[in-house]
Amino acid sequence: MKKTLVIIAASLLMIACGQDREKEIQNIEQHEIELSTIDISSDDSAAVEMVDLYRKFANDFPDDSLAPAYMQRAADISINIGQTEQAIALLDSIITLYPSYEDIAGCYFMKGNAYETAEQYEMAREAYTYFVENYPDHYLAPDTKKMINFLGMTPEEMFDAIMSMANDEGVTR
């Protein structure tokens, strides 16, 4: 009798958790649609709310395959609203907790981007270099190799460097 009650209770708990998961996913999807229709540069409250929803899902369902993807989306939004420290913490969590995540390479790239956005160029260089060395076949690797050379430069300095490289290679204007 006790075994039967335990099995029934466990089954009900699993059903309830599944319903909670689906509700959270629906809520996230609804907010994603709303977020896509607004300009977050004038008011980032919707973006902050979206980050909170992604993080809540990852905390509530850490073993779910969507958890690292939602954390990565939260990191992306965080970078775009100037919350680079939060983005880096999220990316570090993904790297630590989900090392076999299908877009782990993208997390390393985003980490470099977060550091670059925060104007922490040496940290960005380290993250980008790690990305290029460990994921040389990733479609972003060739451009990332080039980006490393331009970290911290103003647009004018980048232009001058590009023109200098072009002149070194014998290209004329």
Protein backbone atom coordinates (compact mmCIF):
# COMPACT_ATOMS: atom_id res chain seq x y z
CA MET A 1 0.00 0.00 0.00
CA LYS A 2 2.82 2.43 0.93
CA LYS A 3 4.66 1.64 -2.31
CA THR A 4 1.52 2.34 -4.32
CA LEU A 5 1.04 5.72 -2.61
CA VAL A 6 4.68 6.64 -3.21
CA ILE A 7 4.38 5.70 -6.90
CA ILE A 8 1.16 7.70 -7.28
CA ALA A 9 2.66 10.72 -5.49
CA ALA A 10 5.79 10.55 -7.65
CA SER A 11 3.69 10.29 -10.80
CA LEU A 12 1.58 13.30 -9.83
CA LEU A 13 4.71 15.29 -9.05
CA MET A 14 6.17 14.46 -12.47
CA ILE A 15 2.96 15.52 -14.21
CA ALA A 16 2.86 18.77 -12.23
CA CYS A 17 6.50 19.51 -13.08
CA GLY A 18 5.82 18.84 -16.75
CA GLN A 19 2.91 21.26 -16.70
CA ASP A 20 5.03 23.89 -14.92
CA ARG A 21 7.74 23.44 -17.55
CA GLU A 22 5.28 23.89 -20.38
CA LYS A 23 3.81 27.00 -18.73
CA GLU A 24 7.25 28.53 -18.35
CA ILE A 25 8.12 27.76 -21.97
CA GLN A 26 4.85 29.31 -23.17
CA ASN A 27 5.50 32.37 -21.03
CA ILE A 28 9.02 32.67 -22.42
CA GLU A 29 7.80 32.32 -26.01
CA GLN A 30 5.14 34.98 -25.47
CA HIS A 31 7.70 37.37 -24.00
CA GLU A 32 10.14 36.67 -26.85
CA ILE A 33 7.48 37.77 -29.33
CA GLU A 34 6.77 40.92 -27.33
CA LEU A 35 10.48 41.68 -26.97
CA SER A 36 10.98 41.41 -30.72
CA THR A 37 8.48 44.22 -31.29
CA ILE A 38 10.01 46.85 -29.01
CA ASP A 39 13.11 49.03 -28.95
CA ILE A 40 15.08 48.02 -25.88
CA SER A 41 17.51 50.91 -26.28
CA SER A 42 14.89 53.31 -24.94
CA ASP A 43 13.57 51.03 -22.18
CA ASP A 44 15.33 47.84 -21.23
CA SER A 45 12.78 46.68 -18.63
CA ALA A 46 11.32 44.12 -21.06
CA ALA A 47 14.81 42.80 -21.77
CA VAL A 48 15.57 42.52 -18.05
CA GLU A 49 12.30 40.64 -17.58
CA MET A 50 13.21 38.29 -20.45
CA VAL A 51 16.59 37.57 -18.86
CA ASP A 52 14.83 36.82 -15.57
CA LEU A 53 12.46 34.38 -17.30
CA TYR A 54 15.34 32.55 -18.99
CA ARG A 55 17.26 32.35 -15.73
CA LYS A 56 14.20 31.16 -13.81
CA PHE A 57 13.67 28.33 -16.29
CA ALA A 58 17.33 27.29 -16.05
CA ASN A 59 17.12 27.34 -12.24
CA ASP A 60 13.80 25.47 -12.15
CA PHE A 61 14.81 22.87 -14.75
CA PRO A 62 18.63 22.63 -14.70
CA ASP A 63 18.63 19.19 -16.32
CA ASP A 64 16.40 20.27 -19.20
CA SER A 65 18.05 20.51 -22.62
CA LEU A 66 16.66 24.04 -22.97
CA ALA A 67 18.43 25.31 -19.84
CA PRO A 68 21.81 26.12 -21.45
CA ALA A 69 20.15 27.55 -24.56
CA TYR A 70 18.00 29.86 -22.45
CA MET A 71 21.02 30.86 -20.39
CA GLN A 72 22.88 31.69 -23.61
CA ARG A 73 19.95 33.81 -24.79
CA ALA A 74 19.95 35.56 -21.42
CA ALA A 75 23.66 36.26 -21.83
CA ASP A 76 23.12 37.67 -25.32
CA ILE A 77 20.41 40.03 -24.09
CA SER A 78 22.55 40.98 -21.10
CA ILE A 79 25.39 42.01 -23.40
CA ASN A 80 23.01 44.11 -25.47
CA ILE A 81 21.69 46.01 -22.45
CA GLY A 82 25.12 46.61 -20.96
CA GLN A 83 24.97 43.92 -18.27
CA THR A 84 28.27 42.38 -19.33
CA GLU A 85 29.24 41.03 -15.89
CA GLN A 86 25.93 39.16 -15.74
CA ALA A 87 26.50 37.86 -19.27
CA ILE A 88 29.96 36.59 -18.42
CA ALA A 89 28.66 34.88 -15.28
CA LEU A 90 25.91 33.18 -17.30
CA LEU A 91 28.37 32.04 -19.97
CA ASP A 92 30.79 30.74 -17.34
CA SER A 93 27.90 28.80 -15.79
CA ILE A 94 27.05 27.21 -19.13
CA ILE A 95 30.69 26.32 -19.75
CA THR A 96 30.98 24.74 -16.30
CA LEU A 97 27.58 23.05 -16.01
CA TYR A 98 26.98 22.04 -19.63
CA PRO A 99 30.39 21.33 -21.24
CA SER A 100 28.76 19.17 -23.92
CA TYR A 101 26.16 21.81 -24.83
CA GLU A 102 25.74 21.88 -28.61
CA ASP A 103 26.78 25.56 -28.89
CA ILE A 104 29.52 25.63 -26.28
CA ALA A 105 31.82 27.17 -28.90
CA GLY A 106 29.33 30.01 -29.31
CA CYS A 107 29.45 30.57 -25.56
CA TYR A 108 33.21 31.07 -25.68
CA PHE A 109 32.81 33.50 -28.58
CA MET A 110 30.07 35.40 -26.73
CA LYS A 111 32.29 35.61 -23.68
CA GLY A 112 34.91 37.37 -25.80
CA ASN A 113 32.21 39.67 -27.14
CA ALA A 114 31.02 40.49 -23.61
CA TYR A 115 34.55 41.40 -22.54
CA GLU A 116 35.05 43.46 -25.68
CA THR A 117 31.77 45.30 -25.08
CA ALA A 118 32.95 46.04 -21.53
CA GLU A 119 36.21 47.34 -23.02
CA GLN A 120 38.20 44.68 -21.17
CA TYR A 121 40.34 44.02 -24.21
CA GLU A 122 42.92 41.68 -22.68
CA MET A 123 40.17 39.43 -21.32
CA ALA A 124 38.44 39.60 -24.71
CA ARG A 125 41.71 38.64 -26.41
CA GLU A 126 42.06 35.64 -24.08
CA ALA A 127 38.48 34.48 -24.69
CA TYR A 128 38.69 34.95 -28.45
CA THR A 129 42.08 33.22 -28.60
CA TYR A 130 40.74 30.27 -26.63
CA PHE A 131 37.78 30.11 -29.01
CA VAL A 132 39.96 30.17 -32.14
CA GLU A 133 42.45 27.62 -30.78
CA ASN A 134 39.81 25.18 -29.54
CA TYR A 135 37.21 25.59 -32.29
CA PRO A 136 39.25 26.33 -35.43
CA ASP A 137 36.58 24.85 -37.71
CA HIS A 138 33.78 27.01 -36.30
CA TYR A 139 32.37 29.36 -38.93
CA LEU A 140 33.28 32.40 -36.79
CA ALA A 141 36.91 31.36 -36.24
CA PRO A 142 38.45 33.01 -39.35
CA ASP A 143 36.81 36.37 -38.64
CA THR A 144 37.61 36.08 -34.95
CA LYS A 145 41.31 35.67 -35.78
CA LYS A 146 41.14 38.98 -37.61
CA MET A 147 39.08 40.65 -34.87
CA ILE A 148 41.75 39.88 -32.27
CA ASN A 149 44.14 42.21 -34.11
CA PHE A 150 41.72 45.13 -33.89
CA LEU A 151 40.69 44.90 -30.23
CA GLY A 152 40.62 48.28 -28.57
CA MET A 153 41.19 50.26 -31.75
CA THR A 154 39.09 53.21 -32.79
CA PRO A 155 37.43 52.97 -36.22
CA GLU A 156 40.12 55.28 -37.61
CA GLU A 157 42.90 53.10 -36.21
CA MET A 158 41.23 50.02 -37.67
CA PHE A 159 40.99 51.69 -41.08
CA ASP A 160 44.65 52.69 -40.96
CA ALA A 161 45.66 49.15 -39.93
CA ILE A 162 43.61 47.62 -42.75
CA MET A 163 45.09 50.03 -45.28
CA SER A 164 48.57 49.29 -44.00
CA MET A 165 47.96 45.54 -44.37
CA ALA A 166 46.57 46.08 -47.86
CA ASN A 167 49.62 48.13 -48.83
CA ASP A 168 51.91 45.46 -47.39
CA GLU A 169 50.17 42.91 -49.59
CA GLY A 170 50.62 45.09 -52.67
CA VAL A 171 47.01 46.22 -52.97
CA THR A 172 46.56 49.74 -54.25
CA ARG A 173 43.68 52.14 -53.79
